[in-house]
N, C-alpha and C. Protein backbone atom coordinates (compact mmCIF):
# COMPACT_ATOMS: atom_id res chain seq x y z
N MET A 1 264.57 31.10 -42.81
CA MET A 1 263.92 29.90 -42.32
C MET A 1 262.41 30.04 -42.55
N GLU A 2 261.80 29.00 -43.11
CA GLU A 2 260.38 29.03 -43.41
C GLU A 2 259.57 28.79 -42.14
N ARG A 3 258.58 29.61 -41.94
CA ARG A 3 257.76 29.53 -40.74
C ARG A 3 256.69 28.46 -40.89
N VAL A 4 256.50 27.66 -39.86
CA VAL A 4 255.51 26.59 -39.86
C VAL A 4 254.22 27.12 -39.24
N ASP A 5 253.10 26.83 -39.89
CA ASP A 5 251.80 27.26 -39.38
C ASP A 5 251.44 26.41 -38.16
N GLY A 6 251.27 27.05 -37.02
CA GLY A 6 250.99 26.35 -35.77
C GLY A 6 249.68 25.60 -35.78
N ARG A 7 248.73 26.02 -36.63
CA ARG A 7 247.44 25.34 -36.70
C ARG A 7 247.56 23.96 -37.32
N LYS A 8 248.65 23.74 -38.05
CA LYS A 8 248.83 22.44 -38.70
C LYS A 8 249.70 21.50 -37.89
N LEU A 9 250.21 21.97 -36.76
CA LEU A 9 251.02 21.11 -35.89
C LEU A 9 250.11 20.18 -35.09
N SER A 10 250.66 19.04 -34.74
CA SER A 10 249.91 18.17 -33.83
C SER A 10 249.88 18.82 -32.45
N ILE A 11 248.95 18.41 -31.63
CA ILE A 11 248.82 18.97 -30.29
C ILE A 11 250.08 18.69 -29.48
N ALA A 12 250.66 17.50 -29.64
CA ALA A 12 251.88 17.16 -28.91
C ALA A 12 253.03 18.07 -29.31
N ALA A 13 253.17 18.33 -30.61
CA ALA A 13 254.26 19.20 -31.08
C ALA A 13 254.06 20.64 -30.60
N LEU A 14 252.82 21.12 -30.64
CA LEU A 14 252.53 22.47 -30.18
C LEU A 14 252.82 22.60 -28.69
N ASN A 15 252.41 21.61 -27.91
CA ASN A 15 252.67 21.65 -26.47
C ASN A 15 254.16 21.62 -26.17
N GLU A 16 254.92 20.84 -26.93
CA GLU A 16 256.37 20.80 -26.73
C GLU A 16 257.00 22.17 -27.01
N ARG A 17 256.55 22.82 -28.07
CA ARG A 17 257.07 24.16 -28.38
C ARG A 17 256.69 25.16 -27.30
N ARG A 18 255.48 25.05 -26.77
CA ARG A 18 255.06 25.96 -25.70
C ARG A 18 255.90 25.73 -24.43
N ARG A 19 256.16 24.46 -24.09
CA ARG A 19 257.01 24.18 -22.92
C ARG A 19 258.42 24.72 -23.12
N ARG A 20 258.95 24.55 -24.32
CA ARG A 20 260.30 25.04 -24.62
C ARG A 20 260.34 26.57 -24.54
N ALA A 21 259.27 27.22 -25.00
CA ALA A 21 259.21 28.68 -24.93
C ALA A 21 259.20 29.17 -23.48
N VAL A 22 258.45 28.50 -22.63
CA VAL A 22 258.39 28.90 -21.22
C VAL A 22 259.76 28.68 -20.57
N LYS A 23 260.41 27.58 -20.87
CA LYS A 23 261.76 27.33 -20.31
C LYS A 23 262.74 28.41 -20.74
N MET A 24 262.66 28.82 -22.01
CA MET A 24 263.55 29.87 -22.48
C MET A 24 263.27 31.19 -21.77
N ARG A 25 261.99 31.52 -21.61
CA ARG A 25 261.65 32.78 -20.93
C ARG A 25 262.09 32.76 -19.47
N LEU A 26 261.96 31.59 -18.82
CA LEU A 26 262.40 31.48 -17.43
C LEU A 26 263.91 31.60 -17.29
N SER A 27 264.63 31.19 -18.33
CA SER A 27 266.10 31.28 -18.28
C SER A 27 266.60 32.67 -18.68
N GLY A 28 265.67 33.58 -19.05
CA GLY A 28 266.06 34.96 -19.30
C GLY A 28 266.06 35.39 -20.76
N ALA A 29 265.62 34.55 -21.65
CA ALA A 29 265.58 34.92 -23.07
C ALA A 29 264.49 35.96 -23.30
N THR A 30 264.71 36.83 -24.26
CA THR A 30 263.71 37.82 -24.61
C THR A 30 262.58 37.15 -25.40
N ILE A 31 261.49 37.87 -25.54
CA ILE A 31 260.36 37.32 -26.30
C ILE A 31 260.77 37.09 -27.75
N GLN A 32 261.51 38.04 -28.32
CA GLN A 32 261.91 37.92 -29.72
C GLN A 32 262.83 36.72 -29.93
N GLN A 33 263.75 36.48 -29.02
CA GLN A 33 264.63 35.31 -29.12
C GLN A 33 263.81 34.02 -29.02
N THR A 34 262.85 34.01 -28.11
CA THR A 34 262.00 32.83 -27.92
C THR A 34 261.15 32.57 -29.15
N VAL A 35 260.60 33.63 -29.73
CA VAL A 35 259.77 33.50 -30.93
C VAL A 35 260.58 32.88 -32.06
N SER A 36 261.79 33.36 -32.27
CA SER A 36 262.60 32.85 -33.39
C SER A 36 263.09 31.43 -33.12
N GLN A 37 263.42 31.09 -31.90
CA GLN A 37 263.93 29.76 -31.59
C GLN A 37 262.83 28.69 -31.58
N CYS A 38 261.66 29.05 -31.05
CA CYS A 38 260.58 28.06 -30.89
C CYS A 38 259.62 28.03 -32.07
N GLU A 39 259.76 28.96 -32.99
CA GLU A 39 258.87 29.06 -34.15
C GLU A 39 257.41 29.17 -33.72
N LEU A 40 257.18 30.02 -32.75
CA LEU A 40 255.82 30.33 -32.30
C LEU A 40 255.58 31.82 -32.50
N GLY A 41 254.34 32.21 -32.48
CA GLY A 41 254.02 33.62 -32.56
C GLY A 41 254.27 34.31 -31.23
N ARG A 42 254.43 35.62 -31.29
CA ARG A 42 254.69 36.41 -30.10
C ARG A 42 253.56 36.26 -29.08
N VAL A 43 252.33 36.31 -29.55
CA VAL A 43 251.18 36.19 -28.65
C VAL A 43 251.13 34.80 -28.02
N THR A 44 251.48 33.77 -28.79
CA THR A 44 251.48 32.41 -28.25
C THR A 44 252.50 32.27 -27.13
N VAL A 45 253.67 32.85 -27.31
CA VAL A 45 254.70 32.80 -26.27
C VAL A 45 254.20 33.52 -25.02
N ILE A 46 253.60 34.68 -25.19
CA ILE A 46 253.09 35.44 -24.04
C ILE A 46 251.99 34.66 -23.32
N HIS A 47 251.06 34.06 -24.09
CA HIS A 47 249.98 33.28 -23.47
C HIS A 47 250.51 32.04 -22.76
N ALA A 48 251.50 31.40 -23.32
CA ALA A 48 252.09 30.23 -22.66
C ALA A 48 252.74 30.63 -21.33
N MET A 49 253.42 31.76 -21.34
CA MET A 49 254.05 32.23 -20.10
C MET A 49 253.02 32.62 -19.06
N GLN A 50 251.94 33.27 -19.50
CA GLN A 50 250.87 33.64 -18.56
C GLN A 50 250.20 32.40 -18.00
N ALA A 51 250.00 31.38 -18.82
CA ALA A 51 249.40 30.14 -18.34
C ALA A 51 250.29 29.47 -17.31
N TYR A 52 251.60 29.49 -17.56
CA TYR A 52 252.55 28.92 -16.60
C TYR A 52 252.48 29.66 -15.26
N GLU A 53 252.41 30.98 -15.33
CA GLU A 53 252.35 31.77 -14.10
C GLU A 53 251.06 31.52 -13.33
N ARG A 54 249.98 31.25 -14.04
CA ARG A 54 248.70 30.99 -13.38
C ARG A 54 248.60 29.59 -12.80
N GLY A 55 249.09 28.58 -13.56
CA GLY A 55 248.83 27.22 -13.13
C GLY A 55 249.97 26.23 -13.25
N GLY A 56 251.18 26.69 -13.48
CA GLY A 56 252.32 25.78 -13.57
C GLY A 56 252.39 25.08 -14.92
N TRP A 57 253.19 24.01 -14.97
CA TRP A 57 253.45 23.32 -16.23
C TRP A 57 252.19 22.69 -16.83
N LYS A 58 251.29 22.24 -15.99
CA LYS A 58 250.07 21.62 -16.49
C LYS A 58 249.22 22.61 -17.30
N ALA A 59 249.25 23.88 -16.89
CA ALA A 59 248.44 24.90 -17.56
C ALA A 59 249.03 25.32 -18.90
N VAL A 60 250.30 25.02 -19.15
CA VAL A 60 250.94 25.42 -20.41
C VAL A 60 250.39 24.62 -21.58
N GLU A 61 250.01 23.38 -21.33
CA GLU A 61 249.52 22.52 -22.40
C GLU A 61 248.14 22.96 -22.87
N VAL A 62 247.92 22.85 -24.18
CA VAL A 62 246.61 23.16 -24.75
C VAL A 62 245.92 21.86 -25.13
N ALA A 63 244.60 21.90 -25.13
CA ALA A 63 243.81 20.71 -25.50
C ALA A 63 243.49 20.74 -26.98
N ARG A 64 243.01 19.65 -27.48
CA ARG A 64 242.58 19.56 -28.87
C ARG A 64 241.44 20.55 -29.09
N PRO A 65 241.52 21.38 -30.13
CA PRO A 65 240.46 22.37 -30.35
C PRO A 65 239.18 21.74 -30.89
N GLY A 66 238.08 22.44 -30.69
CA GLY A 66 236.81 21.98 -31.24
C GLY A 66 235.97 21.22 -30.24
N ARG A 67 234.78 20.85 -30.71
CA ARG A 67 233.87 20.08 -29.86
C ARG A 67 234.35 18.64 -29.75
N ARG A 68 233.90 17.98 -28.71
CA ARG A 68 234.18 16.56 -28.56
C ARG A 68 233.37 15.79 -29.60
N LEU A 69 233.93 14.70 -30.06
CA LEU A 69 233.26 13.89 -31.07
C LEU A 69 231.92 13.39 -30.53
N GLY A 70 230.86 13.67 -31.27
CA GLY A 70 229.53 13.20 -30.89
C GLY A 70 228.72 14.18 -30.07
N SER A 71 229.33 15.26 -29.60
CA SER A 71 228.56 16.21 -28.79
C SER A 71 227.72 17.09 -29.71
N GLY A 72 226.56 17.48 -29.24
CA GLY A 72 225.69 18.34 -30.01
C GLY A 72 224.87 17.62 -31.07
N ARG A 73 224.84 16.32 -31.04
CA ARG A 73 224.06 15.58 -32.03
C ARG A 73 222.59 15.54 -31.63
N THR A 74 221.74 15.54 -32.64
CA THR A 74 220.31 15.46 -32.40
C THR A 74 219.82 14.03 -32.53
N LEU A 75 220.38 13.30 -33.47
CA LEU A 75 219.95 11.92 -33.71
C LEU A 75 220.74 10.95 -32.83
N THR A 76 220.07 9.88 -32.43
CA THR A 76 220.76 8.81 -31.71
C THR A 76 221.55 7.99 -32.74
N PRO A 77 222.52 7.19 -32.30
CA PRO A 77 223.26 6.36 -33.25
C PRO A 77 222.36 5.44 -34.07
N GLU A 78 221.30 4.92 -33.46
CA GLU A 78 220.37 4.06 -34.19
C GLU A 78 219.63 4.85 -35.27
N MET A 79 219.21 6.07 -34.95
CA MET A 79 218.53 6.91 -35.93
C MET A 79 219.48 7.27 -37.09
N GLU A 80 220.74 7.54 -36.77
CA GLU A 80 221.72 7.84 -37.82
C GLU A 80 221.87 6.66 -38.78
N LYS A 81 221.91 5.46 -38.24
CA LYS A 81 222.02 4.26 -39.10
C LYS A 81 220.81 4.13 -40.01
N GLN A 82 219.63 4.42 -39.47
CA GLN A 82 218.41 4.33 -40.28
C GLN A 82 218.45 5.35 -41.42
N VAL A 83 218.86 6.56 -41.14
CA VAL A 83 218.93 7.60 -42.17
C VAL A 83 219.96 7.22 -43.23
N GLN A 84 221.12 6.74 -42.80
CA GLN A 84 222.14 6.31 -43.75
C GLN A 84 221.63 5.18 -44.63
N TRP A 85 220.90 4.25 -44.04
CA TRP A 85 220.35 3.13 -44.81
C TRP A 85 219.35 3.64 -45.84
N LEU A 86 218.48 4.58 -45.43
CA LEU A 86 217.50 5.14 -46.35
C LEU A 86 218.16 5.85 -47.53
N ILE A 87 219.16 6.64 -47.24
CA ILE A 87 219.85 7.39 -48.29
C ILE A 87 220.57 6.44 -49.25
N ARG A 88 221.16 5.41 -48.70
CA ARG A 88 221.93 4.48 -49.51
C ARG A 88 221.04 3.60 -50.39
N ASP A 89 219.91 3.15 -49.87
CA ASP A 89 219.10 2.16 -50.56
C ASP A 89 217.88 2.71 -51.31
N ARG A 90 217.65 4.00 -51.27
CA ARG A 90 216.48 4.56 -51.93
C ARG A 90 216.89 5.78 -52.75
N THR A 91 216.05 6.13 -53.69
CA THR A 91 216.25 7.35 -54.47
C THR A 91 215.40 8.46 -53.86
N PRO A 92 215.73 9.73 -54.15
CA PRO A 92 214.94 10.82 -53.56
C PRO A 92 213.46 10.76 -53.89
N ASP A 93 213.09 10.32 -55.12
CA ASP A 93 211.66 10.26 -55.45
C ASP A 93 210.94 9.17 -54.66
N GLN A 94 211.63 8.10 -54.29
CA GLN A 94 211.01 7.07 -53.46
C GLN A 94 210.74 7.60 -52.05
N LEU A 95 211.57 8.54 -51.60
CA LEU A 95 211.41 9.10 -50.26
C LEU A 95 210.55 10.37 -50.27
N LYS A 96 210.00 10.71 -51.44
CA LYS A 96 209.17 11.90 -51.60
C LYS A 96 209.89 13.17 -51.18
N MET A 97 211.14 13.27 -51.63
CA MET A 97 211.96 14.44 -51.33
C MET A 97 212.04 15.29 -52.60
N GLN A 98 211.03 16.09 -52.82
CA GLN A 98 210.92 16.88 -54.04
C GLN A 98 212.04 17.90 -54.17
N HIS A 99 212.53 18.43 -53.06
CA HIS A 99 213.56 19.46 -53.12
C HIS A 99 214.92 18.91 -53.58
N CYS A 100 215.05 17.61 -53.69
CA CYS A 100 216.32 17.01 -54.11
C CYS A 100 216.41 16.77 -55.60
N PHE A 101 215.33 17.05 -56.32
CA PHE A 101 215.34 16.79 -57.76
C PHE A 101 215.99 17.93 -58.50
N LEU A 102 217.07 17.65 -59.18
CA LEU A 102 217.76 18.66 -59.95
C LEU A 102 216.98 19.01 -61.21
N HIS A 103 216.29 18.03 -61.80
CA HIS A 103 215.63 18.28 -63.07
C HIS A 103 214.48 19.29 -62.96
N GLN A 104 214.00 19.58 -61.77
CA GLN A 104 212.95 20.58 -61.62
C GLN A 104 213.49 21.98 -61.88
N HIS A 105 214.78 22.18 -61.69
CA HIS A 105 215.37 23.50 -61.82
C HIS A 105 216.15 23.69 -63.11
N VAL A 106 216.26 22.65 -63.90
CA VAL A 106 217.06 22.73 -65.12
C VAL A 106 216.13 22.64 -66.33
N ARG A 107 216.32 23.53 -67.26
CA ARG A 107 215.53 23.47 -68.50
C ARG A 107 216.36 22.74 -69.54
N TYR A 108 215.75 21.80 -70.18
CA TYR A 108 216.44 21.00 -71.20
C TYR A 108 216.26 21.65 -72.56
N ALA A 109 217.32 21.72 -73.30
CA ALA A 109 217.26 22.26 -74.67
C ALA A 109 216.65 21.22 -75.59
N ALA A 110 215.68 21.62 -76.37
CA ALA A 110 215.01 20.66 -77.26
C ALA A 110 215.54 20.77 -78.66
């Protein structure tokens, strides 16, 4: 049986597998049986069980990984629109962006 990469699963599918793994462990299945049936890694099964023991079924579920959309931004949405407009409607030489010129670094064969 081909193993599915858990990083490519949707959060809902991963949470369902984690819940199924905890149910199997509670019913007496070994870790190896649970790993093969739920298609999860051994460490994932152990962490799911530990989360259940700490906080019940709610703790078994994992959240979407990564930062929240929009967090850590420096520019305001209005500033972002202005920058996008400038990039779209102007060339680098009009904006006096000398570091963007490719021809400064390329020698042309004569």
